[in-house]
Amino acid sequence: MTAFSHFGICVADLDRAVAFWSEGLGFTVAERHQIGGEFAALMELEEVAVTSQFLRSDQVVIELLAFSTPTAVAEPRRPIPTLGLTHVSMRVDDLDETLGRLIALGGTEIAGTRTELAMGPATLRFVYLTDPDGTRVELMEIPG
């Protein structure tokens, strides 16, 4: 049997990231672990000290990783046509309200990404933003 477990996001400030994903997008704060040298080889590191915070929403599980050793490295936002994970997509009831809340929690709207598509009588609305650490998040407002 194979089943999806979770995906991980490296964060600079664990409290800020927890607020973004829980207060901003409704994830439930779950278990927290202190991880050390027992996972160094798995993480391809010589030394590791990291706090692992799990968040859950229905079947989706996110693991936020806040490293104390080594220091996390910030990189520019990856262009979409880069191999690997491109974005996390969230379906929301009210795009503008959710986007405003996420910006207040440290998110940043990516300029020029607002898109509207007519589909029959409905209008589908999309926008990209980044979480406080630069992970691209897509908000989708799809009526009905």
N, C-alpha and C. Protein backbone atom coordinates (compact mmCIF):
# COMPACT_ATOMS: atom_id res chain seq x y z
N MET A 1 0.83 -1.19 0.00
CA MET A 1 0.00 0.00 0.00
C MET A 1 0.88 1.25 0.00
N THR A 2 0.48 2.24 -0.74
CA THR A 2 1.14 3.53 -0.75
C THR A 2 0.08 4.59 -0.45
N ALA A 3 0.40 5.50 0.46
CA ALA A 3 -0.54 6.58 0.80
C ALA A 3 0.24 7.86 1.01
N PHE A 4 -0.32 8.96 0.60
CA PHE A 4 0.31 10.26 0.82
C PHE A 4 0.40 10.52 2.32
N SER A 5 1.54 11.03 2.77
CA SER A 5 1.73 11.34 4.18
C SER A 5 1.64 12.85 4.42
N HIS A 6 2.58 13.62 3.88
CA HIS A 6 2.62 15.06 4.12
C HIS A 6 3.64 15.69 3.18
N PHE A 7 3.65 17.03 3.15
CA PHE A 7 4.75 17.72 2.50
C PHE A 7 5.31 18.72 3.48
N GLY A 8 6.61 19.05 3.31
CA GLY A 8 7.31 19.91 4.26
C GLY A 8 7.63 21.27 3.68
N ILE A 9 7.59 22.27 4.55
CA ILE A 9 7.94 23.64 4.18
C ILE A 9 8.93 24.16 5.22
N CYS A 10 10.11 24.57 4.77
CA CYS A 10 11.11 25.17 5.66
C CYS A 10 10.71 26.61 5.94
N VAL A 11 10.71 27.00 7.22
CA VAL A 11 10.27 28.35 7.61
C VAL A 11 11.30 29.02 8.49
N ALA A 12 11.33 30.34 8.43
CA ALA A 12 12.27 31.12 9.25
C ALA A 12 11.71 31.37 10.65
N ASP A 13 10.40 31.60 10.74
CA ASP A 13 9.75 31.94 12.01
C ASP A 13 8.55 31.02 12.16
N LEU A 14 8.66 30.05 13.05
CA LEU A 14 7.62 29.03 13.19
C LEU A 14 6.28 29.62 13.61
N ASP A 15 6.27 30.54 14.56
CA ASP A 15 5.00 31.13 15.01
C ASP A 15 4.30 31.87 13.88
N ARG A 16 5.07 32.62 13.10
CA ARG A 16 4.50 33.37 11.96
C ARG A 16 3.94 32.41 10.92
N ALA A 17 4.66 31.34 10.63
CA ALA A 17 4.20 30.36 9.65
C ALA A 17 2.95 29.62 10.14
N VAL A 18 2.93 29.25 11.41
CA VAL A 18 1.74 28.59 11.97
C VAL A 18 0.54 29.51 11.85
N ALA A 19 0.69 30.78 12.16
CA ALA A 19 -0.42 31.72 12.04
C ALA A 19 -0.91 31.83 10.60
N PHE A 20 0.02 31.92 9.65
CA PHE A 20 -0.35 32.03 8.24
C PHE A 20 -1.22 30.85 7.81
N TRP A 21 -0.75 29.64 8.10
CA TRP A 21 -1.45 28.44 7.63
C TRP A 21 -2.68 28.10 8.47
N SER A 22 -2.66 28.40 9.76
CA SER A 22 -3.81 28.05 10.60
C SER A 22 -4.85 29.17 10.63
N GLU A 23 -4.46 30.37 11.05
CA GLU A 23 -5.41 31.49 11.09
C GLU A 23 -5.81 31.93 9.69
N GLY A 24 -4.86 31.88 8.76
CA GLY A 24 -5.12 32.36 7.41
C GLY A 24 -5.85 31.38 6.52
N LEU A 25 -5.55 30.08 6.66
CA LEU A 25 -6.11 29.10 5.74
C LEU A 25 -6.85 27.94 6.42
N GLY A 26 -6.99 28.02 7.74
CA GLY A 26 -7.83 27.07 8.44
C GLY A 26 -7.22 25.73 8.79
N PHE A 27 -5.91 25.58 8.67
CA PHE A 27 -5.28 24.32 9.08
C PHE A 27 -5.31 24.21 10.59
N THR A 28 -5.44 23.00 11.10
CA THR A 28 -5.44 22.73 12.53
C THR A 28 -4.02 22.40 12.98
N VAL A 29 -3.59 23.05 14.05
CA VAL A 29 -2.26 22.78 14.60
C VAL A 29 -2.29 21.40 15.25
N ALA A 30 -1.35 20.56 14.87
CA ALA A 30 -1.30 19.19 15.38
C ALA A 30 0.00 18.98 16.16
N GLU A 31 0.62 17.82 15.99
CA GLU A 31 1.78 17.47 16.82
C GLU A 31 3.03 18.27 16.46
N ARG A 32 3.88 18.44 17.48
CA ARG A 32 5.15 19.15 17.34
C ARG A 32 6.25 18.25 17.87
N HIS A 33 7.38 18.22 17.15
CA HIS A 33 8.51 17.38 17.55
C HIS A 33 9.81 18.18 17.49
N GLN A 34 10.73 17.85 18.38
CA GLN A 34 12.08 18.36 18.31
C GLN A 34 12.92 17.27 17.66
N ILE A 35 13.59 17.61 16.57
CA ILE A 35 14.36 16.64 15.80
C ILE A 35 15.84 16.99 15.90
N GLY A 36 16.64 15.95 16.10
CA GLY A 36 18.09 16.16 16.22
C GLY A 36 18.86 15.23 15.31
N GLY A 37 20.02 14.84 15.79
CA GLY A 37 20.97 14.06 15.02
C GLY A 37 20.44 12.75 14.47
N GLU A 38 19.39 12.20 15.07
CA GLU A 38 18.84 10.94 14.58
C GLU A 38 18.31 11.05 13.15
N PHE A 39 18.04 12.28 12.69
CA PHE A 39 17.56 12.50 11.33
C PHE A 39 18.58 13.19 10.43
N ALA A 40 19.80 13.38 10.91
CA ALA A 40 20.83 14.08 10.13
C ALA A 40 21.09 13.38 8.79
N ALA A 41 21.29 12.07 8.81
CA ALA A 41 21.57 11.35 7.56
C ALA A 41 20.39 11.45 6.60
N LEU A 42 19.17 11.28 7.10
CA LEU A 42 17.98 11.39 6.25
C LEU A 42 17.91 12.75 5.58
N MET A 43 18.27 13.80 6.32
CA MET A 43 18.20 15.16 5.80
C MET A 43 19.47 15.57 5.06
N GLU A 44 20.43 14.65 4.94
CA GLU A 44 21.70 14.90 4.27
C GLU A 44 22.47 16.05 4.90
N LEU A 45 22.47 16.06 6.23
CA LEU A 45 23.17 17.09 6.99
C LEU A 45 24.11 16.44 7.98
N GLU A 46 25.19 17.13 8.33
CA GLU A 46 26.10 16.61 9.35
C GLU A 46 25.50 16.76 10.73
N GLU A 47 24.86 17.90 10.96
CA GLU A 47 24.20 18.17 12.24
C GLU A 47 22.84 18.76 11.94
N VAL A 48 21.88 18.48 12.81
CA VAL A 48 20.55 19.06 12.62
C VAL A 48 19.88 19.26 13.97
N ALA A 49 19.23 20.41 14.09
CA ALA A 49 18.34 20.71 15.20
C ALA A 49 17.18 21.49 14.58
N VAL A 50 16.01 20.90 14.62
CA VAL A 50 14.86 21.50 13.94
C VAL A 50 13.59 21.21 14.72
N THR A 51 12.69 22.17 14.72
CA THR A 51 11.36 21.95 15.28
C THR A 51 10.44 21.62 14.12
N SER A 52 9.72 20.53 14.26
CA SER A 52 8.78 20.05 13.26
C SER A 52 7.37 20.26 13.79
N GLN A 53 6.58 21.08 13.07
CA GLN A 53 5.19 21.36 13.48
C GLN A 53 4.26 20.88 12.39
N PHE A 54 3.39 19.93 12.72
CA PHE A 54 2.42 19.43 11.75
C PHE A 54 1.14 20.24 11.82
N LEU A 55 0.54 20.46 10.63
CA LEU A 55 -0.75 21.13 10.48
C LEU A 55 -1.62 20.25 9.61
N ARG A 56 -2.92 20.18 9.91
CA ARG A 56 -3.82 19.30 9.17
C ARG A 56 -5.07 20.03 8.72
N SER A 57 -5.54 19.65 7.53
CA SER A 57 -6.81 20.13 7.00
C SER A 57 -7.36 19.01 6.12
N ASP A 58 -8.42 18.36 6.59
CA ASP A 58 -8.97 17.19 5.89
C ASP A 58 -7.85 16.18 5.68
N GLN A 59 -7.57 15.83 4.43
CA GLN A 59 -6.54 14.83 4.13
C GLN A 59 -5.17 15.44 3.87
N VAL A 60 -5.06 16.77 3.93
CA VAL A 60 -3.79 17.44 3.63
C VAL A 60 -3.02 17.67 4.94
N VAL A 61 -1.75 17.30 4.91
CA VAL A 61 -0.89 17.48 6.08
C VAL A 61 0.37 18.24 5.64
N ILE A 62 0.66 19.32 6.38
CA ILE A 62 1.86 20.12 6.14
C ILE A 62 2.76 19.96 7.36
N GLU A 63 4.06 19.80 7.11
CA GLU A 63 5.05 19.81 8.17
C GLU A 63 5.88 21.07 8.01
N LEU A 64 5.78 21.98 8.97
CA LEU A 64 6.61 23.18 8.98
C LEU A 64 7.91 22.83 9.70
N LEU A 65 9.03 23.17 9.09
CA LEU A 65 10.35 22.84 9.65
C LEU A 65 11.10 24.13 9.95
N ALA A 66 11.35 24.39 11.24
CA ALA A 66 12.10 25.57 11.67
C ALA A 66 13.47 25.12 12.19
N PHE A 67 14.50 25.36 11.38
CA PHE A 67 15.85 24.90 11.71
C PHE A 67 16.56 25.87 12.65
N SER A 68 17.21 25.31 13.69
CA SER A 68 18.17 26.10 14.45
C SER A 68 19.57 25.76 14.01
N THR A 69 19.78 24.49 13.58
CA THR A 69 21.06 24.05 13.02
C THR A 69 20.76 23.13 11.85
N PRO A 70 21.27 23.40 10.69
CA PRO A 70 21.96 24.62 10.27
C PRO A 70 20.96 25.76 10.09
N THR A 71 21.48 26.94 9.84
CA THR A 71 20.62 28.09 9.58
C THR A 71 19.95 27.93 8.23
N ALA A 72 18.65 28.20 8.18
CA ALA A 72 17.90 28.11 6.92
C ALA A 72 18.39 29.17 5.94
N VAL A 73 18.33 28.84 4.66
CA VAL A 73 18.80 29.73 3.60
C VAL A 73 17.60 30.26 2.83
N ALA A 74 17.54 31.58 2.67
CA ALA A 74 16.47 32.19 1.88
C ALA A 74 16.93 32.28 0.42
N GLU A 75 16.03 31.93 -0.48
CA GLU A 75 16.33 32.03 -1.92
C GLU A 75 15.22 32.80 -2.59
N PRO A 76 15.49 33.36 -3.77
CA PRO A 76 14.44 34.05 -4.51
C PRO A 76 13.31 33.09 -4.88
N ARG A 77 12.12 33.62 -5.07
CA ARG A 77 10.98 32.81 -5.48
C ARG A 77 11.31 32.10 -6.77
N ARG A 78 11.05 30.80 -6.81
CA ARG A 78 11.36 29.98 -8.00
C ARG A 78 10.36 30.29 -9.11
N PRO A 79 10.85 30.41 -10.33
CA PRO A 79 9.93 30.56 -11.46
C PRO A 79 9.07 29.30 -11.61
N ILE A 80 7.83 29.46 -12.05
CA ILE A 80 6.92 28.32 -12.21
C ILE A 80 7.52 27.22 -13.09
N PRO A 81 8.15 27.54 -14.24
CA PRO A 81 8.67 26.43 -15.06
C PRO A 81 10.03 25.92 -14.57
N THR A 82 10.11 25.63 -13.25
CA THR A 82 11.30 25.04 -12.66
C THR A 82 10.88 23.65 -12.18
N LEU A 83 11.67 22.65 -12.49
CA LEU A 83 11.33 21.30 -12.09
C LEU A 83 11.15 21.20 -10.58
N GLY A 84 10.17 20.43 -10.16
CA GLY A 84 9.89 20.26 -8.74
C GLY A 84 8.57 20.93 -8.37
N LEU A 85 8.32 21.00 -7.09
CA LEU A 85 7.07 21.58 -6.58
C LEU A 85 6.95 23.04 -7.00
N THR A 86 5.82 23.40 -7.59
CA THR A 86 5.65 24.78 -8.07
C THR A 86 4.81 25.63 -7.13
N HIS A 87 3.77 25.05 -6.51
CA HIS A 87 2.90 25.84 -5.65
C HIS A 87 1.98 24.95 -4.84
N VAL A 88 1.37 25.54 -3.83
CA VAL A 88 0.33 24.90 -3.04
C VAL A 88 -0.96 25.62 -3.42
N SER A 89 -2.01 24.88 -3.75
CA SER A 89 -3.26 25.49 -4.20
C SER A 89 -4.35 25.28 -3.17
N MET A 90 -5.07 26.35 -2.85
CA MET A 90 -6.14 26.31 -1.87
C MET A 90 -7.43 26.86 -2.50
N ARG A 91 -8.51 26.11 -2.37
CA ARG A 91 -9.82 26.57 -2.83
C ARG A 91 -10.45 27.34 -1.67
N VAL A 92 -10.91 28.58 -1.96
CA VAL A 92 -11.45 29.45 -0.92
C VAL A 92 -12.83 29.95 -1.33
N ASP A 93 -13.64 30.34 -0.35
CA ASP A 93 -14.99 30.87 -0.62
C ASP A 93 -14.94 32.31 -1.10
N ASP A 94 -14.03 33.10 -0.53
CA ASP A 94 -13.95 34.53 -0.85
C ASP A 94 -12.48 34.89 -1.06
N LEU A 95 -12.08 35.01 -2.32
CA LEU A 95 -10.68 35.25 -2.66
C LEU A 95 -10.17 36.55 -2.04
N ASP A 96 -10.91 37.64 -2.17
CA ASP A 96 -10.41 38.93 -1.67
C ASP A 96 -10.27 38.94 -0.15
N GLU A 97 -11.25 38.36 0.54
CA GLU A 97 -11.20 38.33 2.00
C GLU A 97 -10.03 37.46 2.46
N THR A 98 -9.87 36.29 1.85
CA THR A 98 -8.77 35.39 2.23
C THR A 98 -7.42 36.02 1.93
N LEU A 99 -7.29 36.62 0.75
CA LEU A 99 -6.03 37.27 0.39
C LEU A 99 -5.69 38.38 1.38
N GLY A 100 -6.66 39.20 1.74
CA GLY A 100 -6.42 40.27 2.71
C GLY A 100 -5.94 39.73 4.04
N ARG A 101 -6.58 38.66 4.51
CA ARG A 101 -6.19 38.04 5.78
C ARG A 101 -4.77 37.49 5.70
N LEU A 102 -4.43 36.86 4.58
CA LEU A 102 -3.09 36.28 4.43
C LEU A 102 -2.01 37.36 4.33
N ILE A 103 -2.32 38.46 3.68
CA ILE A 103 -1.37 39.57 3.62
C ILE A 103 -1.12 40.13 5.02
N ALA A 104 -2.19 40.25 5.81
CA ALA A 104 -2.05 40.73 7.19
C ALA A 104 -1.20 39.77 8.04
N LEU A 105 -1.14 38.50 7.64
CA LEU A 105 -0.36 37.50 8.37
C LEU A 105 1.03 37.28 7.76
N GLY A 106 1.46 38.19 6.87
CA GLY A 106 2.82 38.13 6.34
C GLY A 106 2.94 37.63 4.92
N GLY A 107 1.83 37.31 4.26
CA GLY A 107 1.87 36.89 2.86
C GLY A 107 2.08 38.08 1.94
N THR A 108 2.47 37.81 0.70
CA THR A 108 2.70 38.87 -0.29
C THR A 108 2.03 38.47 -1.60
N GLU A 109 1.11 39.31 -2.08
CA GLU A 109 0.48 39.04 -3.38
C GLU A 109 1.52 39.18 -4.48
N ILE A 110 1.51 38.27 -5.43
CA ILE A 110 2.41 38.36 -6.57
C ILE A 110 1.71 39.21 -7.63
N ALA A 111 2.27 40.37 -7.89
CA ALA A 111 1.65 41.35 -8.79
C ALA A 111 1.38 40.75 -10.16
N GLY A 112 0.22 41.09 -10.70
CA GLY A 112 -0.11 40.70 -12.06
C GLY A 112 -0.64 39.29 -12.21
N THR A 113 -0.88 38.57 -11.10
CA THR A 113 -1.32 37.18 -11.22
C THR A 113 -2.83 37.00 -11.10
N ARG A 114 -3.56 38.05 -10.77
CA ARG A 114 -5.02 37.89 -10.67
C ARG A 114 -5.58 37.49 -12.04
N THR A 115 -6.38 36.44 -12.03
CA THR A 115 -6.94 35.90 -13.27
C THR A 115 -8.41 35.56 -13.04
N GLU A 116 -9.26 35.93 -14.00
CA GLU A 116 -10.68 35.57 -13.95
C GLU A 116 -11.04 34.86 -15.23
N LEU A 117 -11.80 33.77 -15.10
CA LEU A 117 -12.25 33.00 -16.25
C LEU A 117 -13.75 32.78 -16.14
N ALA A 118 -14.47 33.11 -17.21
CA ALA A 118 -15.90 32.84 -17.24
C ALA A 118 -16.11 31.38 -17.59
N MET A 119 -16.95 30.69 -16.81
CA MET A 119 -17.29 29.31 -17.10
C MET A 119 -18.80 29.19 -16.93
N GLY A 120 -19.51 29.28 -18.07
CA GLY A 120 -20.97 29.33 -18.00
C GLY A 120 -21.38 30.58 -17.26
N PRO A 121 -22.31 30.45 -16.32
CA PRO A 121 -22.75 31.63 -15.57
C PRO A 121 -21.80 32.02 -14.44
N ALA A 122 -20.82 31.18 -14.14
CA ALA A 122 -19.91 31.44 -13.02
C ALA A 122 -18.63 32.10 -13.49
N THR A 123 -17.99 32.82 -12.57
CA THR A 123 -16.67 33.39 -12.82
C THR A 123 -15.70 32.76 -11.84
N LEU A 124 -14.65 32.14 -12.38
CA LEU A 124 -13.61 31.54 -11.55
C LEU A 124 -12.53 32.59 -11.35
N ARG A 125 -12.04 32.73 -10.11
CA ARG A 125 -11.04 33.75 -9.79
C ARG A 125 -9.82 33.07 -9.17
N PHE A 126 -8.64 33.55 -9.56
CA PHE A 126 -7.37 32.98 -9.10
C PHE A 126 -6.38 34.10 -8.77
N VAL A 127 -5.48 33.84 -7.87
CA VAL A 127 -4.36 34.74 -7.60
C VAL A 127 -3.25 33.93 -6.95
N TYR A 128 -2.01 34.34 -7.20
CA TYR A 128 -0.86 33.77 -6.51
C TYR A 128 -0.38 34.76 -5.46
N LEU A 129 0.09 34.21 -4.35
CA LEU A 129 0.78 34.99 -3.33
C LEU A 129 1.88 34.08 -2.79
N THR A 130 2.72 34.63 -1.95
CA THR A 130 3.71 33.81 -1.27
C THR A 130 3.43 33.86 0.22
N ASP A 131 3.77 32.77 0.90
CA ASP A 131 3.69 32.77 2.35
C ASP A 131 4.86 33.62 2.86
N PRO A 132 4.99 33.85 4.16
CA PRO A 132 6.07 34.72 4.66
C PRO A 132 7.48 34.27 4.29
N ASP A 133 7.64 33.00 3.88
CA ASP A 133 8.97 32.50 3.54
C ASP A 133 9.16 32.28 2.05
N GLY A 134 8.20 32.73 1.24
CA GLY A 134 8.37 32.68 -0.20
C GLY A 134 7.75 31.49 -0.91
N THR A 135 7.06 30.60 -0.18
CA THR A 135 6.37 29.48 -0.83
C THR A 135 5.17 30.01 -1.59
N ARG A 136 5.08 29.67 -2.88
CA ARG A 136 3.98 30.16 -3.72
C ARG A 136 2.69 29.43 -3.36
N VAL A 137 1.62 30.21 -3.13
CA VAL A 137 0.31 29.69 -2.78
C VAL A 137 -0.70 30.25 -3.80
N GLU A 138 -1.50 29.36 -4.37
CA GLU A 138 -2.55 29.76 -5.29
C GLU A 138 -3.87 29.76 -4.54
N LEU A 139 -4.62 30.86 -4.64
CA LEU A 139 -5.98 30.89 -4.12
C LEU A 139 -6.92 30.76 -5.28
N MET A 140 -7.91 29.87 -5.16
CA MET A 140 -8.90 29.65 -6.22
C MET A 140 -10.29 29.85 -5.64
N GLU A 141 -11.06 30.75 -6.23
CA GLU A 141 -12.45 30.95 -5.86
C GLU A 141 -13.30 30.39 -7.01
N ILE A 142 -13.93 29.24 -6.75
CA ILE A 142 -14.71 28.57 -7.78
C ILE A 142 -16.12 28.38 -7.22
N PRO A 143 -17.08 29.20 -7.66
CA PRO A 143 -18.44 29.10 -7.13
C PRO A 143 -19.05 27.72 -7.30
N GLY A 144 -19.90 27.36 -6.32
CA GLY A 144 -20.70 26.14 -6.42
C GLY A 144 -19.96 24.94 -6.13
